């Protein structure tokens, strides 16, 4: 085992990303100070607090020590002194227990001195018997029937826990997402997609500090994706409310930039505090505060009653009431049942698994076919043709063509009319 692995194993497990940020702010440490102490950049510290990365090795130990909460002062425990029993001699036994005991200690035939008259000592109170240590509760075994468990400790299956979370948070989350996007169908689709993703990662979501916040962040990220503008059904927002006050608030929300709209909805609509809002929007606390103040000022220009508020707390309460009334007044579609969402998530996961297996099988088949048909040795390519020079032309009479042969035959068969030909003769 290497040294870095040993050091990492010795460091206690780090808290969740949100808890890391809270511990850092509780110690009044900025991201720059933590980065300088650990030896990394500010972006790295921000990635640790948002969950995109996790420190390792020596940096993990330094970071854990830096954000570790201060231990509570425990009261000093006074250990009782152990009193050794005194050594009892024969004379002392005779004084305490009487002559009979002295004779038993001294042995037969020994002389026992007479016991002096001593005042009777007060009886020593006996110490109460120590309470037996409390046994830990027995671990549940597989042989124990479920009926033997306590009624308040009934085990909940993952499906039941998911259904309970879905039934408690899905309707309100659809209304929140509608205020974020202004599209009813997209709000329902985003929430169902977030819960499908949560069911695929349920072992991770079930142990999270805030499972509802995990699902809410996933739904908001999916709803605010810019790729929805390419879809015809989600290209334009739905019709605004008919009531003038709700219409003004609806238009003011949609005119805000997405990051400012999300910050305003989380703080004044959901009721999160400023550090939690900053952590969920992946921004610093001052940046989240600036976005919140800018968004409130922009909405207050459309709503005169918000501008007339005496304090920011009153303005926040009034805005929260108006956002809740707008979400409840609109007819937002009800999400599908939890069982349908779980079944859809499992079907999608099964489909993607089959597609991945099919792609791997196709790649293996193509690779095998290529190996089978590929040449096993090198074959030199055929050179392209070239014109050869320096060859003498063909000599002698040329070969007669068909026309020449026809003319020759005609001349031999028909004699010409005219003077006789002069034939050379030898003399």
Protein backbone atom coordinates (compact mmCIF):
# COMPACT_ATOMS: atom_id res chain seq x y z
CA UNK A 1 0.00 0.00 0.00
CA UNK A 2 1.39 3.40 -0.98
CA UNK A 3 1.81 6.31 1.34
CA UNK A 4 -0.94 8.40 -0.29
CA UNK A 5 -3.41 5.53 0.05
CA UNK A 6 -2.53 5.11 3.72
CA UNK A 7 -2.93 8.84 4.40
CA UNK A 8 -6.26 8.93 2.60
CA UNK A 9 -7.52 5.95 4.60
CA UNK A 10 -6.47 7.63 7.86
CA UNK A 11 -8.49 10.79 7.10
CA UNK A 12 -12.13 10.60 8.26
CA UNK A 13 -14.75 10.74 5.48
CA UNK A 14 -15.58 14.22 4.25
CA UNK A 15 -19.10 15.64 4.73
CA UNK A 16 -21.46 16.31 1.86
CA UNK A 17 -20.68 19.22 -0.51
CA UNK A 18 -23.34 21.48 1.04
CA UNK A 19 -22.02 20.69 4.52
CA UNK A 20 -18.47 21.55 3.41
CA UNK A 21 -19.62 24.99 2.32
CA UNK A 22 -21.56 25.52 5.55
CA UNK A 23 -18.56 24.54 7.70
CA UNK A 24 -16.29 26.88 5.74
CA UNK A 25 -18.65 29.82 6.13
CA UNK A 26 -19.18 28.97 9.82
CA UNK A 27 -15.43 29.48 10.33
CA UNK A 28 -15.54 32.76 8.32
CA UNK A 29 -13.16 31.41 5.68
CA UNK A 30 -13.30 32.55 2.07
CA UNK A 31 -12.62 30.35 -0.94
CA UNK A 32 -9.32 32.17 -1.54
CA UNK A 33 -8.12 31.47 2.02
CA UNK A 34 -8.98 27.78 1.78
CA UNK A 35 -7.29 27.53 -1.62
CA UNK A 36 -4.12 29.21 -0.31
CA UNK A 37 -4.01 26.96 2.76
CA UNK A 38 -4.48 23.73 0.81
CA UNK A 39 -2.40 24.78 -2.20
CA UNK A 40 -5.03 24.71 -4.96
CA UNK A 41 -6.98 27.25 -6.99
CA UNK A 42 -10.27 28.88 -6.07
CA UNK A 43 -12.05 26.97 -8.85
CA UNK A 44 -10.90 23.68 -7.31
CA UNK A 45 -12.34 24.62 -3.90
CA UNK A 46 -15.63 25.57 -5.56
CA UNK A 47 -15.74 22.21 -7.37
CA UNK A 48 -15.21 20.45 -4.00
CA UNK A 49 -18.16 22.35 -2.50
CA UNK A 50 -20.47 21.68 -5.46
CA UNK A 51 -19.73 17.94 -5.63
CA UNK A 52 -18.07 17.92 -9.05
CA UNK A 53 -14.74 16.76 -7.56
CA UNK A 54 -13.28 15.51 -4.29
CA UNK A 55 -9.81 16.08 -2.78
CA UNK A 56 -7.30 13.25 -2.51
CA UNK A 57 -4.14 12.41 -0.62
CA UNK A 58 -2.42 15.16 1.34
CA UNK A 59 -4.82 17.83 0.09
CA UNK A 60 -7.75 15.80 1.38
CA UNK A 61 -6.17 15.64 4.85
CA UNK A 62 -5.44 19.39 4.88
CA UNK A 63 -8.93 20.25 3.65
CA UNK A 64 -10.62 17.96 6.20
CA UNK A 65 -8.54 19.46 9.02
CA UNK A 66 -9.29 22.99 7.83
CA UNK A 67 -13.09 22.67 7.75
CA UNK A 68 -13.43 20.22 10.64
CA UNK A 69 -15.87 21.51 13.29
CA UNK A 70 -14.39 22.42 16.65
CA UNK A 71 -14.93 19.58 19.14
CA UNK A 72 -17.16 20.32 22.09
CA UNK A 73 -15.41 20.66 25.48
CA UNK A 74 -16.09 17.51 27.44
CA UNK A 75 -16.23 17.64 31.27
CA UNK A 76 -13.23 16.17 32.97
CA UNK A 77 -13.95 12.71 34.27
CA UNK A 78 -12.52 12.04 37.74
CA UNK A 79 -11.43 8.45 38.05
CA UNK A 80 -12.11 6.90 41.48
CA UNK A 81 -9.03 5.96 43.43
CA UNK A 82 -8.42 2.29 43.92
CA UNK A 83 -8.00 1.55 47.64
CA UNK A 84 -5.82 -1.45 48.33
CA UNK A 85 -7.00 -3.72 51.16
CA UNK A 86 -4.75 -3.57 54.23
CA UNK A 87 -2.65 -6.53 55.26
CA UNK A 88 -4.40 -8.24 58.20
CA UNK A 89 -2.11 -9.89 60.78
CA UNK A 90 -3.03 -12.39 63.42
CA UNK A 91 -3.13 -9.71 66.12
CA UNK A 92 -5.36 -7.49 64.01
CA UNK A 93 -7.68 -10.39 63.26
CA UNK A 94 -7.91 -11.08 66.96
CA UNK A 95 -8.79 -7.49 67.66
CA UNK A 96 -11.46 -7.30 64.94
CA UNK A 97 -12.97 -10.80 64.88
CA UNK A 98 -12.33 -11.98 68.43
CA UNK A 99 -10.22 -14.72 70.01
CA UNK A 100 -11.64 -17.47 67.84
CA UNK A 101 -10.35 -15.95 64.67
CA UNK A 102 -6.93 -15.29 66.20
CA UNK A 103 -6.66 -18.92 67.24
CA UNK A 104 -7.60 -20.03 63.76
CA UNK A 105 -4.93 -17.77 62.23
CA UNK A 106 -2.19 -18.53 64.78
CA UNK A 107 -2.73 -22.22 64.70
CA UNK A 108 -3.34 -24.82 67.42
CA UNK A 109 -1.34 -24.46 70.60
CA UNK A 110 -0.34 -20.84 70.04
CA UNK A 111 -0.92 -18.33 72.75
CA UNK A 112 -3.50 -15.75 71.97
CA UNK A 113 -3.13 -12.37 73.67
CA UNK A 114 -6.09 -10.92 75.37
CA UNK A 115 -7.97 -8.41 73.31
CA UNK A 116 -8.02 -4.94 74.84
CA UNK A 117 -11.30 -3.19 75.43
CA UNK A 118 -11.80 -0.93 72.40
CA UNK A 119 -14.75 1.15 71.57
CA UNK A 120 -16.97 -0.41 68.96
CA UNK A 121 -16.27 1.03 65.52
CA UNK A 122 -19.26 2.31 63.52
CA UNK A 123 -20.35 -0.02 60.76
CA UNK A 124 -19.01 0.86 57.29
CA UNK A 125 -21.84 1.32 54.80
CA UNK A 126 -21.63 -1.08 51.93
CA UNK A 127 -21.30 0.32 48.42
CA UNK A 128 -24.34 -0.29 46.25
CA UNK A 129 -23.78 -2.98 43.67
CA UNK A 130 -22.68 -1.65 40.28
CA UNK A 131 -25.36 -1.69 37.61
CA UNK A 132 -24.69 -4.22 34.91
CA UNK A 133 -23.60 -2.67 31.61
CA UNK A 134 -26.40 -2.13 29.18
CA UNK A 135 -26.27 -4.64 26.39
CA UNK A 136 -26.49 -3.22 22.88
CA UNK A 137 -29.67 -4.02 21.02
CA UNK A 138 -29.31 -7.27 19.13
CA UNK A 139 -28.72 -6.94 15.44
CA UNK A 140 -31.66 -8.06 13.35
CA UNK A 141 -31.02 -11.42 11.79
CA UNK A 142 -32.47 -12.90 8.69
CA UNK A 143 -34.19 -15.60 10.74
CA UNK A 144 -36.21 -13.08 12.73
CA UNK A 145 -39.69 -12.66 11.25
CA UNK A 146 -40.86 -9.19 10.31
CA UNK A 147 -43.70 -9.40 12.82
CA UNK A 148 -41.20 -9.49 15.71
CA UNK A 149 -39.98 -5.95 14.95
CA UNK A 150 -41.31 -2.94 16.78
CA UNK A 151 -44.21 -1.20 15.06
CA UNK A 152 -42.30 2.13 14.84
CA UNK A 153 -39.22 0.43 13.32
CA UNK A 154 -40.91 -1.18 10.36
CA UNK A 155 -38.52 -1.51 7.45
CA UNK A 156 -39.40 0.54 4.38
CA UNK A 157 -38.49 -0.81 0.98
CA UNK A 158 -36.74 1.46 -1.55
CA UNK A 159 -39.87 1.55 -3.71
CA UNK A 160 -42.03 2.67 -0.77
CA UNK A 161 -39.53 5.36 0.21
CA UNK A 162 -39.41 6.62 -3.38
CA UNK A 163 -43.20 6.64 -3.65
CA UNK A 164 -43.49 8.61 -0.42
CA UNK A 165 -40.97 11.20 -1.61
CA UNK A 166 -42.72 11.44 -4.96
CA UNK A 167 -46.18 11.87 -3.45
CA UNK A 168 -44.95 14.53 -1.03
CA UNK A 169 -42.86 16.68 -3.39
CA UNK A 170 -43.89 16.05 -7.02
CA UNK A 171 -47.09 18.20 -7.21
CA UNK A 172 -45.48 21.25 -5.62
CA UNK A 173 -42.32 20.79 -7.67
CA UNK A 174 -44.34 20.86 -10.89
CA UNK A 175 -45.83 24.22 -9.88
CA UNK A 176 -42.39 25.60 -9.01
CA UNK A 177 -40.98 24.48 -12.35
CA UNK A 178 -43.94 26.11 -14.11
CA UNK A 179 -43.03 29.44 -12.49
CA UNK A 180 -39.44 28.89 -13.61
CA UNK A 181 -40.23 28.12 -17.27
CA UNK A 182 -43.77 29.34 -17.98
CA UNK A 183 -44.55 26.05 -19.76
CA UNK A 184 -46.87 23.49 -18.18
CA UNK A 185 -45.87 20.50 -20.31
CA UNK A 186 -42.17 21.20 -19.82
CA UNK A 187 -42.67 21.52 -16.06
CA UNK A 188 -44.29 18.10 -15.84
CA UNK A 189 -41.69 16.53 -18.12
CA UNK A 190 -38.83 18.03 -16.08
CA UNK A 191 -40.16 16.73 -12.77
CA UNK A 192 -40.79 13.24 -14.13
CA UNK A 193 -37.34 13.17 -15.75
CA UNK A 194 -35.73 14.24 -12.45
CA UNK A 195 -37.53 11.50 -10.51
CA UNK A 196 -36.56 8.91 -13.13
CA UNK A 197 -32.94 9.95 -12.66
CA UNK A 198 -33.39 9.80 -8.88
CA UNK A 199 -34.73 6.23 -9.08
CA UNK A 200 -31.74 5.19 -11.21
CA UNK A 201 -29.42 6.65 -8.53
CA UNK A 202 -31.59 5.86 -5.52
CA UNK A 203 -28.77 4.47 -3.33
CA UNK A 204 -27.09 7.87 -3.65
CA UNK A 205 -30.27 9.95 -3.29
CA UNK A 206 -31.61 8.01 -0.31
CA UNK A 207 -28.60 8.89 1.89
CA UNK A 208 -28.47 12.55 0.82
CA UNK A 209 -29.12 15.23 3.47
CA UNK A 210 -31.98 16.63 1.38
CA UNK A 211 -33.42 14.15 -1.17
CA UNK A 212 -36.11 16.66 -2.16
CA UNK A 213 -33.41 19.25 -2.87
CA UNK A 214 -31.52 16.72 -5.00
CA UNK A 215 -34.61 16.12 -7.14
CA UNK A 216 -35.43 19.83 -7.27
CA UNK A 217 -31.93 20.69 -8.55
CA UNK A 218 -32.17 17.99 -11.23
CA UNK A 219 -35.62 19.21 -12.34
CA UNK A 220 -34.47 22.84 -12.53
CA UNK A 221 -31.36 21.93 -14.53
CA UNK A 222 -33.41 19.96 -17.05
CA UNK A 223 -36.09 22.67 -17.32
CA UNK A 224 -33.55 25.46 -17.90
CA UNK A 225 -31.66 23.63 -20.63
CA UNK A 226 -31.32 25.89 -23.73
CA UNK A 227 -31.84 22.90 -26.03
CA UNK A 228 -35.59 23.05 -25.40
CA UNK A 229 -35.77 26.08 -27.70
CA UNK A 230 -35.19 23.75 -30.65
CA UNK A 231 -38.34 21.78 -29.82
CA UNK A 232 -41.48 23.12 -31.41
CA UNK A 233 -43.73 22.30 -28.44
CA UNK A 234 -41.54 24.21 -25.95
CA UNK A 235 -40.40 27.07 -28.16
CA UNK A 236 -42.88 29.61 -26.78
CA UNK A 237 -44.32 29.93 -23.25
CA UNK A 238 -47.95 29.19 -22.49
CA UNK A 239 -50.65 31.83 -22.37
CA UNK A 240 -50.27 34.10 -19.32
CA UNK A 241 -52.98 34.37 -16.64
CA UNK A 242 -55.97 36.59 -17.35
CA UNK A 243 -55.95 38.42 -14.00
CA UNK A 244 -53.90 41.66 -14.32
CA UNK A 245 -51.91 41.22 -11.10
CA UNK A 246 -50.92 37.61 -11.81
CA UNK A 247 -50.21 38.46 -15.45
CA UNK A 248 -47.82 41.25 -14.39
CA UNK A 249 -45.97 38.91 -12.02
CA UNK A 250 -45.85 36.17 -14.65
CA UNK A 251 -44.40 38.54 -17.28
CA UNK A 252 -41.90 39.95 -14.77
CA UNK A 253 -40.61 36.47 -13.92
CA UNK A 254 -40.16 35.45 -17.56
CA UNK A 255 -38.34 38.70 -18.36
CA UNK A 256 -35.66 37.92 -15.76
CA UNK A 257 -32.50 36.05 -16.81
CA UNK A 258 -32.69 32.32 -15.94
CA UNK A 259 -30.10 32.51 -13.14
CA UNK A 260 -31.83 35.50 -11.49
CA UNK A 261 -35.25 33.86 -11.87
CA UNK A 262 -34.00 30.66 -10.24
CA UNK A 263 -32.40 32.54 -7.33
CA UNK A 264 -35.59 34.52 -6.69
CA UNK A 265 -37.74 31.39 -6.82
CA UNK A 266 -35.52 29.43 -4.45
CA UNK A 267 -35.21 32.20 -1.87
CA UNK A 268 -38.64 33.84 -1.93
CA UNK A 269 -40.68 30.95 -3.36
CA UNK A 270 -39.25 27.78 -1.82
CA UNK A 271 -37.93 29.50 1.33
CA UNK A 272 -34.26 28.48 1.29
CA UNK A 273 -31.70 30.62 3.08
CA UNK A 274 -29.01 32.52 1.19
CA UNK A 275 -26.12 29.99 1.55
CA UNK A 276 -28.33 27.09 0.42
CA UNK A 277 -29.60 29.15 -2.51
CA UNK A 278 -26.02 29.99 -3.50
CA UNK A 279 -24.95 26.36 -3.23
CA UNK A 280 -27.84 25.09 -5.37
CA UNK A 281 -27.25 27.73 -8.05
CA UNK A 282 -23.47 27.07 -7.95
CA UNK A 283 -22.62 30.67 -7.10
CA UNK A 284 -20.97 32.44 -4.20
CA UNK A 285 -23.09 33.89 -1.42
CA UNK A 286 -22.40 37.54 -2.39
CA UNK A 287 -23.25 36.76 -6.02
CA UNK A 288 -26.52 35.10 -4.99
CA UNK A 289 -27.38 38.12 -2.81
CA UNK A 290 -26.72 40.46 -5.73
CA UNK A 291 -28.89 38.41 -8.07
CA UNK A 292 -31.69 38.35 -5.49
CA UNK A 293 -31.66 42.13 -4.99
CA UNK A 294 -31.60 42.77 -8.75
CA UNK A 295 -34.48 40.35 -9.36
CA UNK A 296 -36.56 41.88 -6.57
CA UNK A 297 -36.01 45.38 -7.97
CA UNK A 298 -37.05 44.25 -11.47
CA UNK A 299 -40.24 42.59 -10.15
CA UNK A 300 -41.04 45.58 -7.93
CA UNK A 301 -41.16 47.81 -11.02
CA UNK A 302 -44.09 45.74 -12.31
CA UNK A 303 -45.83 45.35 -8.92
CA UNK A 304 -46.35 48.64 -7.01
CA UNK A 305 -47.27 46.88 -3.74
CA UNK A 306 -43.79 45.34 -3.57
CA UNK A 307 -42.15 48.73 -4.01
CA UNK A 308 -44.26 50.15 -1.14
CA UNK A 309 -43.02 47.50 1.34
CA UNK A 310 -41.37 48.98 4.44
CA UNK A 311 -38.60 46.37 4.87
CA UNK A 312 -36.95 43.60 2.85
CA UNK A 313 -38.55 41.00 5.15
CA UNK A 314 -42.01 42.36 4.41
CA UNK A 315 -41.20 42.49 0.71
CA UNK A 316 -40.00 38.87 0.80
CA UNK A 317 -43.16 37.72 2.61
CA UNK A 318 -45.38 39.56 0.17
CA UNK A 319 -43.52 38.19 -2.83
CA UNK A 320 -43.69 34.65 -1.43
CA UNK A 321 -47.45 35.01 -1.00
CA UNK A 322 -47.87 36.30 -4.57
CA UNK A 323 -45.73 33.49 -6.02
CA UNK A 324 -47.72 30.89 -4.09
CA UNK A 325 -51.02 32.36 -5.28
CA UNK A 326 -49.84 32.38 -8.90
CA UNK A 327 -48.69 28.74 -8.69
CA UNK A 328 -51.94 27.56 -7.07
CA UNK A 329 -54.21 29.51 -9.43
CA UNK A 330 -52.84 27.98 -12.63
CA UNK A 331 -54.07 24.61 -13.85
CA UNK A 332 -50.78 22.74 -13.84
CA UNK A 333 -50.97 19.11 -15.07
CA UNK A 334 -50.71 16.43 -12.42
CA UNK A 335 -47.64 14.20 -12.78
CA UNK A 336 -47.96 10.51 -13.48
CA UNK A 337 -48.21 8.01 -10.63
CA UNK A 338 -44.99 7.06 -8.89
CA UNK A 339 -45.17 3.48 -10.10
CA UNK A 340 -45.38 4.64 -13.72
CA UNK A 341 -42.32 6.85 -13.20
CA UNK A 342 -40.36 3.97 -11.68
CA UNK A 343 -41.40 1.64 -14.52
CA UNK A 344 -40.42 4.23 -17.12
CA UNK A 345 -37.04 4.73 -15.46
CA UNK A 346 -36.39 1.00 -15.40
CA UNK A 347 -37.47 0.64 -19.05
CA UNK A 348 -35.16 3.44 -20.12
CA UNK A 349 -32.27 1.96 -18.18
CA UNK A 350 -32.98 -1.46 -19.71
CA UNK A 351 -33.16 0.08 -23.20
CA UNK A 352 -29.87 1.91 -22.79
CA UNK A 353 -28.25 -1.25 -21.43
CA UNK A 354 -29.42 -3.27 -24.41
CA UNK A 355 -28.26 -0.56 -26.79
CA UNK A 356 -24.82 -0.53 -25.16
CA UNK A 357 -24.60 -4.33 -25.30
CA UNK A 358 -25.70 -4.31 -28.96
CA UNK A 359 -23.13 -1.64 -29.83
CA UNK A 360 -20.36 -3.62 -28.17
CA UNK A 361 -21.47 -6.82 -29.95
CA UNK A 362 -21.52 -5.00 -33.31
CA UNK A 363 -18.06 -3.61 -32.68
CA UNK A 364 -16.76 -7.08 -31.83
CA UNK A 365 -18.35 -8.54 -35.00
CA UNK A 366 -16.86 -5.83 -37.23
CA UNK A 367 -13.47 -6.31 -35.63
CA UNK A 368 -13.63 -10.10 -36.16
CA UNK A 369 -14.68 -9.68 -39.80
CA UNK A 370 -11.85 -7.25 -40.42
CA UNK A 371 -9.32 -9.62 -38.91
CA UNK A 372 -10.69 -12.50 -40.99
CA UNK A 373 -10.61 -10.69 -44.34
CA UNK A 374 -7.43 -8.71 -43.85
CA UNK A 375 -4.31 -9.90 -45.83
CA UNK A 376 -1.81 -11.94 -43.89
CA UNK A 377 1.29 -10.82 -45.87
CA UNK A 378 2.50 -7.84 -47.83
CA UNK A 379 1.67 -7.69 -51.52
CA UNK A 380 3.68 -5.30 -53.63
CA UNK A 381 1.39 -3.06 -55.70
CA UNK A 382 1.53 -3.24 -59.55
CA UNK A 383 3.50 -0.39 -61.06
CA UNK A 384 1.61 1.91 -63.45
CA UNK A 385 2.42 1.54 -67.24
CA UNK A 386 5.22 3.66 -68.75
CA UNK A 387 6.21 4.50 -72.35
CA UNK A 388 9.41 2.72 -73.44
CA UNK A 389 11.78 4.68 -75.67
CA UNK A 390 14.80 3.76 -77.89
CA UNK A 391 13.21 0.77 -79.75
CA UNK A 392 13.90 0.86 -83.60
CA UNK A 393 10.87 0.87 -85.90
CA UNK A 394 9.81 -2.28 -87.61
CA UNK A 395 11.63 -2.74 -91.05
CA UNK A 396 10.77 -4.47 -94.38
CA UNK A 397 7.62 -4.39 -96.43
CA UNK A 398 4.55 -3.66 -94.56
CA UNK A 399 1.82 -6.20 -94.38
CA UNK A 400 -0.79 -5.88 -97.13
CA UNK A 401 -4.16 -4.80 -96.13
CA UNK A 402 -7.43 -6.32 -97.38
CA UNK A 403 -7.79 -3.60 -99.98
CA UNK A 404 -4.28 -4.22 -101.28
CA UNK A 405 -4.89 -7.95 -101.58
CA UNK A 406 -8.14 -7.32 -103.50
CA UNK A 407 -6.39 -5.04 -105.96
CA UNK A 408 -3.58 -7.53 -106.46
CA UNK A 409 -6.04 -10.31 -107.26
CA UNK A 410 -7.89 -8.16 -109.76
CA UNK A 411 -4.73 -7.28 -111.62
CA UNK A 412 -3.76 -10.92 -111.95
CA UNK A 413 -7.10 -12.09 -113.30
CA UNK A 414 -7.77 -9.40 -115.90
CA UNK A 415 -5.20 -8.53 -118.60
CA UNK A 416 -4.98 -4.96 -119.59
CA UNK A 417 -5.92 -3.97 -123.19
CA UNK A 418 -3.18 -2.06 -124.89
CA UNK A 419 0.31 -2.42 -126.23
CA UNK A 420 2.17 -5.44 -125.12
CA UNK A 421 4.21 -5.06 -122.11
CA UNK A 422 7.91 -4.83 -122.51
CA UNK A 423 9.48 -7.71 -120.83
CA UNK A 424 13.25 -7.66 -120.31
CA UNK A 425 15.04 -10.62 -121.76
CA UNK A 426 18.53 -11.81 -121.45
CA UNK A 427 20.71 -11.84 -124.55
